[in-house]
Amino acid sequence: MPVLENPRHEAFAQGLASGLTAVEAYKRAGYRGGGANAWRLHGTEEVRARVRELQEITSARAGMSREEAVAMCIEILKAPPSAAHLEHPLCELKMGKDGPYAIFPDKRGVMERLAKMLGWDEPEKHDVQMTGPRGVLAGVMRRKN
């Protein structure tokens, strides 16, 4: 699929493909607001197809597919600490007072990353209070009159 005709839609798709949330990508593409409009745009077939294409390009450049990255995360999560050794490809090398040793990456951080990669996270909700002419305070003042 070629670049999307609408430059904002293309910027939105690129933001999503780079790992931004729909609202973050929506704002970075130059739109105001977010929320429902960001998710509406996210749900369009042309944007979804473009995001998939961009992710495939990124995977090809990285030499690793999304599925391989997910498999590595799962392997880290399931590995017992006793399996850590200096030659293990998923271990981090640390230096202690007795010399080098190996540990697996932080499992909580890996789990958070895996949940984000698989879309398991709930969208973040933010409470917003408006205090302008049409905002909460103005509404309260109108009720008193």
C-alpha atoms as a PDB file:
ATOM      1  CA  MET A   1       0.000   0.000   0.000  1.00  0.00           C
ATOM      2  CA  PRO A   2       1.422   3.411  -0.885  1.00  0.00           C
ATOM      3  CA  VAL A   3       1.661   6.379   1.424  1.00  0.00           C
ATOM      4  CA  LEU A   4      -1.797   7.559   2.485  1.00  0.00           C
ATOM      5  CA  GLU A   5      -3.140  10.509   0.482  1.00  0.00           C
ATOM      6  CA  ASN A   6      -4.050  12.531   3.549  1.00  0.00           C
ATOM      7  CA  PRO A   7      -0.746  13.643   5.149  1.00  0.00           C
ATOM      8  CA  ARG A   8      -2.286  13.686   8.626  1.00  0.00           C
ATOM      9  CA  HIS A   9      -3.571  10.150   8.216  1.00  0.00           C
ATOM     10  CA  GLU A  10      -0.094   9.078   7.102  1.00  0.00           C
ATOM     11  CA  ALA A  11       1.502  10.793  10.117  1.00  0.00           C
ATOM     12  CA  PHE A  12      -1.080   9.116  12.372  1.00  0.00           C
ATOM     13  CA  ALA A  13      -0.333   5.674  10.885  1.00  0.00           C
ATOM     14  CA  GLN A  14       3.413   6.231  11.270  1.00  0.00           C
ATOM     15  CA  GLY A  15       2.918   7.217  14.900  1.00  0.00           C
ATOM     16  CA  LEU A  16       0.907   4.071  15.585  1.00  0.00           C
ATOM     17  CA  ALA A  17       3.493   1.906  13.822  1.00  0.00           C
ATOM     18  CA  SER A  18       6.238   3.441  15.968  1.00  0.00           C
ATOM     19  CA  GLY A  19       4.448   2.414  19.167  1.00  0.00           C
ATOM     20  CA  LEU A  20       2.519   5.532  20.123  1.00  0.00           C
ATOM     21  CA  THR A  21      -0.984   5.200  21.525  1.00  0.00           C
ATOM     22  CA  ALA A  22      -3.835   6.259  19.253  1.00  0.00           C
ATOM     23  CA  VAL A  23      -4.295   9.525  21.165  1.00  0.00           C
ATOM     24  CA  GLU A  24      -0.554  10.319  21.113  1.00  0.00           C
ATOM     25  CA  ALA A  25      -0.341   9.569  17.379  1.00  0.00           C
ATOM     26  CA  TYR A  26      -3.475  11.639  16.730  1.00  0.00           C
ATOM     27  CA  LYS A  27      -2.025  14.685  18.476  1.00  0.00           C
ATOM     28  CA  ARG A  28       1.403  14.262  16.876  1.00  0.00           C
ATOM     29  CA  ALA A  29      -0.297  14.158  13.459  1.00  0.00           C
ATOM     30  CA  GLY A  30      -1.568  17.671  14.108  1.00  0.00           C
ATOM     31  CA  TYR A  31      -5.104  16.978  15.267  1.00  0.00           C
ATOM     32  CA  ARG A  32      -6.635  18.560  18.347  1.00  0.00           C
ATOM     33  CA  GLY A  33      -8.339  16.538  21.019  1.00  0.00           C
ATOM     34  CA  GLY A  34      -8.172  12.795  20.776  1.00  0.00           C
ATOM     35  CA  GLY A  35     -10.195  10.101  22.464  1.00  0.00           C
ATOM     36  CA  ALA A  36     -13.083   8.938  20.309  1.00  0.00           C
ATOM     37  CA  ASN A  37     -11.819  10.644  17.141  1.00  0.00           C
ATOM     38  CA  ALA A  38      -8.403   9.023  17.485  1.00  0.00           C
ATOM     39  CA  TRP A  39      -9.973   5.585  17.892  1.00  0.00           C
ATOM     40  CA  ARG A  40     -12.360   6.215  14.990  1.00  0.00           C
ATOM     41  CA  LEU A  41      -9.421   7.026  12.701  1.00  0.00           C
ATOM     42  CA  HIS A  42      -7.488   4.071  14.140  1.00  0.00           C
ATOM     43  CA  GLY A  43     -10.350   1.774  13.101  1.00  0.00           C
ATOM     44  CA  THR A  44     -10.391   2.739   9.426  1.00  0.00           C
ATOM     45  CA  GLU A  45      -9.214  -0.032   7.138  1.00  0.00           C
ATOM     46  CA  GLU A  46      -6.806   2.175   5.162  1.00  0.00           C
ATOM     47  CA  VAL A  47      -5.011   3.299   8.340  1.00  0.00           C
ATOM     48  CA  ARG A  48      -4.902  -0.238   9.757  1.00  0.00           C
ATOM     49  CA  ALA A  49      -3.482  -1.598   6.486  1.00  0.00           C
ATOM     50  CA  ARG A  50      -0.849   1.155   6.387  1.00  0.00           C
ATOM     51  CA  VAL A  51       0.185   0.459  10.005  1.00  0.00           C
ATOM     52  CA  ARG A  52       0.587  -3.251   9.192  1.00  0.00           C
ATOM     53  CA  GLU A  53       2.696  -2.367   6.144  1.00  0.00           C
ATOM     54  CA  LEU A  54       4.925  -0.017   8.149  1.00  0.00           C
ATOM     55  CA  GLN A  55       5.371  -2.652  10.879  1.00  0.00           C
ATOM     56  CA  GLU A  56       6.360  -5.248   8.262  1.00  0.00           C
ATOM     57  CA  ILE A  57       8.941  -2.846   6.819  1.00  0.00           C
ATOM     58  CA  THR A  58      10.337  -2.207  10.293  1.00  0.00           C
ATOM     59  CA  SER A  59      10.491  -5.941  11.035  1.00  0.00           C
ATOM     60  CA  ALA A  60      12.343  -6.598   7.781  1.00  0.00           C
ATOM     61  CA  ARG A  61      14.875  -3.877   8.575  1.00  0.00           C
ATOM     62  CA  ALA A  62      15.351  -5.119  12.117  1.00  0.00           C
ATOM     63  CA  GLY A  63      15.900  -8.691  10.978  1.00  0.00           C
ATOM     64  CA  MET A  64      13.312  -9.826  13.512  1.00  0.00           C
ATOM     65  CA  SER A  65       9.580 -10.229  13.226  1.00  0.00           C
ATOM     66  CA  ARG A  66       7.032  -9.177  15.799  1.00  0.00           C
ATOM     67  CA  GLU A  67       6.332 -12.858  16.453  1.00  0.00           C
ATOM     68  CA  GLU A  68      10.005 -13.486  17.205  1.00  0.00           C
ATOM     69  CA  ALA A  69      10.095 -10.550  19.620  1.00  0.00           C
ATOM     70  CA  VAL A  70       6.977 -11.842  21.390  1.00  0.00           C
ATOM     71  CA  ALA A  71       8.536 -15.320  21.596  1.00  0.00           C
ATOM     72  CA  MET A  72      11.703 -13.864  23.170  1.00  0.00           C
ATOM     73  CA  CYS A  73       9.651 -11.977  25.759  1.00  0.00           C
ATOM     74  CA  ILE A  74       7.752 -15.144  26.634  1.00  0.00           C
ATOM     75  CA  GLU A  75      11.004 -17.100  26.929  1.00  0.00           C
ATOM     76  CA  ILE A  76      12.388 -14.507  29.346  1.00  0.00           C
ATOM     77  CA  LEU A  77       9.203 -14.578  31.421  1.00  0.00           C
ATOM     78  CA  LYS A  78       9.164 -18.375  31.682  1.00  0.00           C
ATOM     79  CA  ALA A  79      12.892 -18.836  32.324  1.00  0.00           C
ATOM     80  CA  PRO A  80      13.816 -19.739  35.895  1.00  0.00           C
ATOM     81  CA  PRO A  81      16.559 -17.586  37.435  1.00  0.00           C
ATOM     82  CA  SER A  82      18.760 -20.684  37.656  1.00  0.00           C
ATOM     83  CA  ALA A  83      18.877 -20.825  33.828  1.00  0.00           C
ATOM     84  CA  ALA A  84      20.814 -17.541  33.659  1.00  0.00           C
ATOM     85  CA  HIS A  85      24.407 -17.970  32.518  1.00  0.00           C
ATOM     86  CA  LEU A  86      26.978 -15.857  30.698  1.00  0.00           C
ATOM     87  CA  GLU A  87      26.413 -17.530  27.313  1.00  0.00           C
ATOM     88  CA  HIS A  88      22.606 -17.326  27.382  1.00  0.00           C
ATOM     89  CA  PRO A  89      21.546 -14.970  24.536  1.00  0.00           C
ATOM     90  CA  LEU A  90      18.699 -13.417  26.540  1.00  0.00           C
ATOM     91  CA  CYS A  91      20.725 -12.645  29.668  1.00  0.00           C
ATOM     92  CA  GLU A  92      22.255  -9.341  30.631  1.00  0.00           C
ATOM     93  CA  LEU A  93      25.871  -9.245  31.721  1.00  0.00           C
ATOM     94  CA  LYS A  94      26.469  -7.544  35.063  1.00  0.00           C
ATOM     95  CA  MET A  95      29.703  -6.889  36.890  1.00  0.00           C
ATOM     96  CA  GLY A  96      29.881  -7.646  40.582  1.00  0.00           C
ATOM     97  CA  LYS A  97      32.701  -7.565  43.111  1.00  0.00           C
ATOM     98  CA  ASP A  98      33.350 -11.262  42.368  1.00  0.00           C
ATOM     99  CA  GLY A  99      33.399 -10.730  38.595  1.00  0.00           C
ATOM    100  CA  PRO A 100      30.820 -10.908  35.812  1.00  0.00           C
ATOM    101  CA  TYR A 101      27.489 -12.643  36.241  1.00  0.00           C
ATOM    102  CA  ALA A 102      24.338 -13.037  34.144  1.00  0.00           C
ATOM    103  CA  ILE A 103      20.724 -12.178  34.926  1.00  0.00           C
ATOM    104  CA  PHE A 104      17.556 -12.095  32.886  1.00  0.00           C
ATOM    105  CA  PRO A 105      16.063  -8.688  32.114  1.00  0.00           C
ATOM    106  CA  ASP A 106      13.520  -7.308  34.580  1.00  0.00           C
ATOM    107  CA  LYS A 107      10.508  -9.599  34.177  1.00  0.00           C
ATOM    108  CA  ARG A 108       8.026  -6.917  35.222  1.00  0.00           C
ATOM    109  CA  GLY A 109       9.354  -4.609  32.502  1.00  0.00           C
ATOM    110  CA  VAL A 110       9.290  -7.425  29.938  1.00  0.00           C
ATOM    111  CA  MET A 111       5.691  -8.242  30.896  1.00  0.00           C
ATOM    112  CA  GLU A 112       4.652  -4.596  30.536  1.00  0.00           C
ATOM    113  CA  ARG A 113       6.298  -4.437  27.105  1.00  0.00           C
ATOM    114  CA  LEU A 114       4.677  -7.706  26.014  1.00  0.00           C
ATOM    115  CA  ALA A 115       1.240  -6.477  27.127  1.00  0.00           C
ATOM    116  CA  LYS A 116       1.736  -3.303  25.097  1.00  0.00           C
ATOM    117  CA  MET A 117       2.941  -5.240  22.040  1.00  0.00           C
ATOM    118  CA  LEU A 118      -0.107  -7.507  22.167  1.00  0.00           C
ATOM    119  CA  GLY A 119      -2.562  -4.699  22.864  1.00  0.00           C
ATOM    120  CA  TRP A 120      -3.614  -6.082  26.243  1.00  0.00           C
ATOM    121  CA  ASP A 121      -3.406  -2.740  28.019  1.00  0.00           C
ATOM    122  CA  GLU A 122      -6.584  -0.795  28.588  1.00  0.00           C
ATOM    123  CA  PRO A 123      -6.561   2.682  27.081  1.00  0.00           C
ATOM    124  CA  GLU A 124      -5.450   5.217  29.648  1.00  0.00           C
ATOM    125  CA  LYS A 125      -8.195   7.482  30.936  1.00  0.00           C
ATOM    126  CA  HIS A 126      -7.545  11.050  31.989  1.00  0.00           C
ATOM    127  CA  ASP A 127      -9.915  13.280  33.926  1.00  0.00           C
ATOM    128  CA  VAL A 128     -10.133  16.738  32.424  1.00  0.00           C
ATOM    129  CA  GLN A 129     -11.733  19.714  34.096  1.00  0.00           C
ATOM    130  CA  MET A 130     -12.514  22.690  31.931  1.00  0.00           C
ATOM    131  CA  THR A 131     -12.555  26.068  33.618  1.00  0.00           C
ATOM    132  CA  GLY A 132     -13.127  28.288  30.598  1.00  0.00           C
ATOM    133  CA  PRO A 133     -16.340  29.932  29.363  1.00  0.00           C
ATOM    134  CA  ARG A 134     -17.900  26.570  28.500  1.00  0.00           C
ATOM    135  CA  GLY A 135     -16.202  24.675  31.294  1.00  0.00           C
ATOM    136  CA  VAL A 136     -17.194  23.304  34.649  1.00  0.00           C
ATOM    137  CA  LEU A 137     -17.003  26.581  36.543  1.00  0.00           C
ATOM    138  CA  ALA A 138     -19.053  28.419  33.925  1.00  0.00           C
ATOM    139  CA  GLY A 139     -21.692  25.680  34.089  1.00  0.00           C
ATOM    140  CA  VAL A 140     -21.950  26.019  37.859  1.00  0.00           C
ATOM    141  CA  MET A 141     -22.269  29.791  37.596  1.00  0.00           C
ATOM    142  CA  ARG A 142     -25.077  29.491  35.009  1.00  0.00           C
ATOM    143  CA  ARG A 143     -27.068  27.225  37.306  1.00  0.00           C
ATOM    144  CA  LYS A 144     -27.027  29.815  40.077  1.00  0.00           C
ATOM    145  CA  ASN A 145     -28.461  32.565  37.823  1.00  0.00           C
END
